Amino acid sequence: MSFRPAGTSPNSPGWTLRVVPNKFPALQIHGELTKKGEGVFDRMNGIGAHEVIIETADHQLSLATMPLRAVEDVLWSYFFRLTDLNKDTRLKYVLIFKNEGEVAGSSLEHTHSQLIALPIVPKSVREEIESSKKYYDIKERCIFCDIINQELNADKRVIYENDKYVSISPFAPREPFETWILPKKHESNFSPPDKSFSSLSEILQRTLKQLDRVLDTPPYNFIIHTSPFKEEINDYYHWHIEIVPKLTKTAGFEWGSGFYINPTPPEEATQYMKEAKL
């Protein structure tokens, strides 16, 4: 898949965004999905998809510096690939993520993001969804909607908001300057409200620019959390983007305990972000 100006031919120069198979895929799209037991263990073959979204043809640009319309095109490419992969009945979930910088796991300098389509829902995603379901069963409200309303009312950890989205420093961030972007109205899966990603592209680029100004262009990961296939529309889960700068190292204490030592309180990080000159 490619985005290109009108009048240019497929597989020719002039593209502005391309989606291609990963040269070294974690999973393969071709083949039959098989599962079997091996004693108390389960085994399945590596069926899925692994694609690279080349966000621009310009090697010098990034999501923080490219034209805003180009950022919106990146978001549209995510949506188009999600929609297409949803047709494959073998697949249950698509993880969309970006590794920016070598420390964050990137092996290429050219700005890009990736998606991996999986035949199962990842454990961490399923746990987040199940916890959201339990909250909804008790209170009949989405936990993320409640968090958004609380943060907007308290205004201690709100970094920025526009007409449709809000960026916040989460109450208990795993890393300094961890930032979440969420729709202000309930949306359970990643899709364009009113057939537009303009507001999302604006707040995403602004957030990345703020991080670049405050932290001198840090390495970071971002991940889109969305509802699994066949569960896209629901009242209990709220899709969002998590952006985590790589400023500290995860070591034995964190791996062993599940606790994270964060030297920067989210309220301080919020203030630094709000004061960043763009």
Protein backbone atom coordinates (compact mmCIF):
# COMPACT_ATOMS: atom_id res chain seq x y z
CA MET A 1 0.00 0.00 0.00
CA SER A 2 1.24 3.50 -0.78
CA PHE A 3 0.10 7.11 -0.60
CA ARG A 4 1.12 9.16 -3.63
CA PRO A 5 0.05 12.27 -5.54
CA ALA A 6 -2.60 11.84 -8.21
CA GLY A 7 -1.13 10.94 -11.58
CA THR A 8 1.79 8.84 -10.32
CA SER A 9 1.86 5.12 -11.06
CA PRO A 10 2.02 2.31 -8.47
CA ASN A 11 5.53 1.00 -7.71
CA SER A 12 7.12 4.16 -9.09
CA PRO A 13 8.89 7.13 -7.49
CA GLY A 14 6.79 9.90 -6.01
CA TRP A 15 5.20 8.10 -3.05
CA THR A 16 4.79 9.92 0.25
CA LEU A 17 4.07 6.89 2.48
CA ARG A 18 4.45 3.15 1.94
CA VAL A 19 3.47 0.02 3.84
CA VAL A 20 5.68 -2.99 3.11
CA PRO A 21 6.23 -6.46 4.60
CA ASN A 22 9.00 -6.56 7.20
CA LYS A 23 12.18 -7.98 5.67
CA PHE A 24 12.72 -10.08 8.80
CA PRO A 25 9.17 -10.85 9.94
CA ALA A 26 8.32 -12.14 13.40
CA LEU A 27 5.29 -13.91 11.85
CA GLN A 28 4.37 -15.15 8.37
CA ILE A 29 1.05 -14.46 6.64
CA HIS A 30 1.07 -17.65 4.55
CA GLY A 31 0.18 -21.05 5.95
CA GLU A 32 -2.38 -22.76 8.10
CA LEU A 33 -2.72 -21.90 11.77
CA THR A 34 -2.17 -25.03 13.85
CA LYS A 35 -2.23 -25.46 17.62
CA LYS A 36 -1.20 -28.48 19.67
CA GLY A 37 -0.44 -29.43 23.21
CA GLU A 38 2.99 -30.49 24.40
CA GLY A 39 2.42 -31.83 27.90
CA VAL A 40 1.28 -28.91 30.04
CA PHE A 41 2.49 -26.48 27.35
CA ASP A 42 0.77 -25.17 24.22
CA ARG A 43 2.43 -24.62 20.87
CA MET A 44 1.27 -22.88 17.69
CA ASN A 45 3.04 -21.97 14.48
CA GLY A 46 3.99 -18.39 13.67
CA ILE A 47 1.05 -17.29 11.54
CA GLY A 48 0.32 -13.57 11.39
CA ALA A 49 1.59 -10.47 9.62
CA HIS A 50 4.50 -8.12 10.20
CA GLU A 51 4.52 -4.87 8.26
CA VAL A 52 6.53 -1.65 8.23
CA ILE A 53 4.90 1.75 7.72
CA ILE A 54 7.48 4.02 6.06
CA GLU A 55 6.04 7.32 7.23
CA THR A 56 7.71 9.61 4.69
CA ALA A 57 10.12 9.45 1.78
CA ASP A 58 12.21 12.23 3.35
CA HIS A 59 15.02 10.76 5.47
CA GLN A 60 15.41 13.98 7.47
CA LEU A 61 11.83 14.13 8.78
CA SER A 62 10.12 12.56 11.78
CA LEU A 63 6.55 12.47 13.09
CA ALA A 64 7.43 15.58 15.11
CA THR A 65 8.75 17.56 12.13
CA MET A 66 6.86 16.40 9.02
CA PRO A 67 3.85 18.35 7.71
CA LEU A 68 0.74 17.79 9.79
CA ARG A 69 -1.13 16.33 6.81
CA ALA A 70 1.59 13.67 6.54
CA VAL A 71 1.02 12.69 10.19
CA GLU A 72 -2.66 12.31 9.40
CA ASP A 73 -1.75 10.06 6.46
CA VAL A 74 0.23 7.84 8.85
CA LEU A 75 -2.85 7.45 11.06
CA TRP A 76 -4.99 6.65 8.02
CA SER A 77 -2.50 3.97 6.98
CA TYR A 78 -2.88 2.35 10.42
CA PHE A 79 -6.66 2.35 10.05
CA PHE A 80 -6.60 0.97 6.49
CA ARG A 81 -4.29 -1.89 7.48
CA LEU A 82 -6.37 -2.70 10.57
CA THR A 83 -9.50 -2.80 8.43
CA ASP A 84 -7.89 -5.07 5.84
CA LEU A 85 -6.28 -7.48 8.31
CA ASN A 86 -9.60 -7.81 10.14
CA LYS A 87 -10.86 -9.76 7.12
CA ASP A 88 -8.43 -12.61 7.92
CA THR A 89 -10.31 -14.92 10.30
CA ARG A 90 -7.03 -16.35 11.64
CA LEU A 91 -6.10 -13.03 13.21
CA LYS A 92 -7.36 -11.76 16.57
CA TYR A 93 -5.35 -8.61 17.27
CA VAL A 94 -3.07 -6.08 15.57
CA LEU A 95 -0.38 -4.36 17.61
CA ILE A 96 0.69 -1.01 16.14
CA PHE A 97 3.86 0.44 17.58
CA LYS A 98 6.80 2.72 16.95
CA ASN A 99 10.38 2.32 18.16
CA GLU A 100 12.14 5.67 17.79
CA GLY A 101 15.89 5.55 18.36
CA GLU A 102 18.33 2.70 18.91
CA VAL A 103 17.76 2.62 22.69
CA ALA A 104 14.04 2.12 22.02
CA GLY A 105 14.72 -0.87 19.77
CA SER A 106 14.88 0.69 16.32
CA SER A 107 17.38 -0.79 13.86
CA LEU A 108 16.70 1.81 11.14
CA GLU A 109 17.23 5.57 11.25
CA HIS A 110 14.51 6.37 8.71
CA THR A 111 11.28 7.21 10.51
CA HIS A 112 8.85 4.30 10.49
CA SER A 113 6.37 2.39 12.59
CA GLN A 114 5.34 -1.25 12.56
CA LEU A 115 2.36 -3.51 12.97
CA ILE A 116 2.24 -7.15 13.97
CA ALA A 117 -1.02 -9.04 13.47
CA LEU A 118 -1.43 -11.94 15.88
CA PRO A 119 -3.58 -15.08 16.02
CA ILE A 120 -4.14 -14.45 19.74
CA VAL A 121 -4.82 -11.43 21.94
CA PRO A 122 -1.61 -10.58 23.83
CA LYS A 123 -1.64 -11.32 27.57
CA SER A 124 -1.07 -7.69 28.62
CA VAL A 125 -3.88 -6.47 26.33
CA ARG A 126 -6.26 -9.15 27.55
CA GLU A 127 -5.50 -8.30 31.19
CA GLU A 128 -6.18 -4.61 30.53
CA ILE A 129 -9.46 -5.43 28.81
CA GLU A 130 -10.58 -7.88 31.51
CA SER A 131 -9.84 -5.29 34.21
CA SER A 132 -11.88 -2.74 32.26
CA LYS A 133 -14.75 -5.23 32.03
CA LYS A 134 -14.70 -5.82 35.80
CA TYR A 135 -14.82 -2.07 36.46
CA TYR A 136 -17.70 -1.68 34.02
CA ASP A 137 -19.61 -4.58 35.60
CA ILE A 138 -19.41 -2.87 39.00
CA LYS A 139 -19.95 0.77 38.03
CA GLU A 140 -21.53 0.59 34.56
CA ARG A 141 -18.98 3.13 33.37
CA CYS A 142 -15.79 2.95 31.34
CA ILE A 143 -12.75 3.28 33.61
CA PHE A 144 -10.90 5.34 31.01
CA CYS A 145 -13.83 7.75 30.68
CA ASP A 146 -13.76 8.15 34.46
CA ILE A 147 -10.00 8.78 34.41
CA ILE A 148 -10.40 11.41 31.68
CA ASN A 149 -13.18 13.22 33.55
CA GLN A 150 -11.21 13.14 36.80
CA GLU A 151 -8.04 14.43 35.17
CA LEU A 152 -9.85 17.23 33.33
CA ASN A 153 -11.54 18.33 36.56
CA ALA A 154 -8.36 18.17 38.66
CA ASP A 155 -6.14 19.68 35.92
CA LYS A 156 -2.91 18.48 37.55
CA ARG A 157 -1.75 16.05 34.90
CA VAL A 158 -3.46 17.34 31.74
CA ILE A 159 -0.80 18.34 29.24
CA TYR A 160 -3.03 19.47 26.38
CA GLU A 161 -6.48 18.99 24.94
CA ASN A 162 -8.18 19.85 21.68
CA ASP A 163 -11.77 19.35 20.53
CA LYS A 164 -11.63 15.53 20.51
CA TYR A 165 -8.53 14.33 22.41
CA VAL A 166 -6.58 14.88 25.60
CA SER A 167 -2.95 14.13 26.49
CA ILE A 168 -2.17 13.36 30.11
CA SER A 169 0.63 12.21 32.36
CA PRO A 170 -0.78 9.02 33.90
CA PHE A 171 -1.13 8.96 37.69
CA ALA A 172 1.47 6.16 38.08
CA PRO A 173 3.80 6.37 35.06
CA ARG A 174 6.33 3.58 34.50
CA GLU A 175 8.90 5.98 33.05
CA PRO A 176 9.58 9.72 33.34
CA PHE A 177 7.40 11.73 30.94
CA GLU A 178 5.19 8.78 29.96
CA THR A 179 2.23 10.31 28.13
CA TRP A 180 -1.17 8.97 27.13
CA ILE A 181 -3.41 10.33 24.37
CA LEU A 182 -7.10 9.41 24.64
CA PRO A 183 -10.37 10.35 22.89
CA LYS A 184 -12.41 12.55 25.22
CA LYS A 185 -15.61 10.77 24.19
CA HIS A 186 -15.91 7.01 24.51
CA GLU A 187 -14.40 5.13 21.57
CA SER A 188 -13.58 1.46 21.98
CA ASN A 189 -11.48 0.93 18.86
CA PHE A 190 -9.04 2.93 16.76
CA SER A 191 -11.09 4.60 14.03
CA PRO A 192 -11.58 8.11 12.59
CA PRO A 193 -14.42 9.97 14.31
CA ASP A 194 -16.37 12.02 11.77
CA LYS A 195 -14.15 10.44 9.08
CA SER A 196 -11.15 12.56 10.09
CA PHE A 197 -7.86 12.09 11.92
CA SER A 198 -7.01 15.81 11.87
CA SER A 199 -7.47 16.37 15.62
CA LEU A 200 -5.55 13.22 16.50
CA SER A 201 -2.66 14.11 14.21
CA GLU A 202 -2.52 17.58 15.79
CA ILE A 203 -2.30 16.35 19.38
CA LEU A 204 0.07 13.48 18.50
CA GLN A 205 2.53 15.75 16.72
CA ARG A 206 2.27 18.39 19.42
CA THR A 207 3.03 15.81 22.12
CA LEU A 208 6.07 14.52 20.24
CA LYS A 209 7.32 18.09 19.70
CA GLN A 210 6.92 18.80 23.42
CA LEU A 211 8.95 15.70 24.28
CA ASP A 212 11.64 16.72 21.78
CA ARG A 213 11.90 20.22 23.28
CA VAL A 214 11.93 19.11 26.91
CA LEU A 215 14.09 16.00 26.55
CA ASP A 216 16.26 16.91 23.53
CA THR A 217 14.73 14.46 21.04
CA PRO A 218 14.62 11.34 23.22
CA PRO A 219 14.27 7.74 22.07
CA TYR A 220 10.76 6.53 22.73
CA ASN A 221 8.19 3.82 22.10
CA PHE A 222 4.56 4.39 21.37
CA ILE A 223 1.86 1.76 21.25
CA ILE A 224 -1.77 1.93 20.17
CA HIS A 225 -4.04 0.03 22.56
CA THR A 226 -7.31 -0.88 20.84
CA SER A 227 -10.06 -3.47 21.18
CA PRO A 228 -9.43 -6.89 19.60
CA PHE A 229 -11.08 -8.02 16.39
CA LYS A 230 -14.68 -9.19 16.93
CA GLU A 231 -14.86 -7.02 20.07
CA GLU A 232 -14.37 -3.64 18.39
CA ILE A 233 -17.56 -1.97 19.61
CA ASN A 234 -18.12 -2.11 23.37
CA ASP A 235 -18.85 0.08 26.38
CA TYR A 236 -16.03 -1.05 28.67
CA TYR A 237 -12.76 -0.45 26.80
CA HIS A 238 -11.34 2.86 25.55
CA TRP A 239 -8.61 2.90 22.90
CA HIS A 240 -5.57 5.10 23.52
CA ILE A 241 -1.94 5.77 22.62
CA GLU A 242 0.83 5.29 25.18
CA ILE A 243 4.12 7.14 24.54
CA VAL A 244 7.06 6.11 26.73
CA PRO A 245 10.43 7.92 26.43
CA LYS A 246 13.38 5.63 27.15
CA LEU A 247 15.18 7.58 29.87
CA THR A 248 15.76 4.88 32.51
CA LYS A 249 16.68 1.21 32.41
CA THR A 250 14.47 -1.67 33.42
CA ALA A 251 16.59 -3.85 35.70
CA GLY A 252 16.25 -6.67 38.21
CA PHE A 253 14.01 -4.84 40.68
CA GLU A 254 11.50 -3.86 38.01
CA TRP A 255 11.45 -7.30 36.36
CA GLY A 256 11.26 -9.09 39.69
CA SER A 257 8.65 -6.92 41.40
CA GLY A 258 6.60 -5.33 38.62
CA PHE A 259 7.23 -1.96 40.32
CA TYR A 260 8.84 0.93 38.47
CA ILE A 261 11.10 3.57 40.01
CA ASN A 262 10.27 6.92 38.40
CA PRO A 263 12.36 9.91 39.54
CA THR A 264 10.01 12.47 37.91
CA PRO A 265 6.51 12.87 39.38
CA PRO A 266 3.83 13.12 36.67
CA GLU A 267 2.76 16.56 37.90
CA GLU A 268 6.28 17.90 37.30
CA ALA A 269 6.49 16.23 33.90
CA THR A 270 3.15 17.81 32.98
CA GLN A 271 4.38 21.28 33.89
CA TYR A 272 7.59 20.86 31.87
CA MET A 273 5.57 19.69 28.87
CA LYS A 274 3.09 22.56 29.10
CA GLU A 275 5.92 25.10 29.29
CA ALA A 276 7.74 23.71 26.24
CA LYS A 277 8.13 26.34 23.54
CA LEU A 278 6.94 24.95 20.21
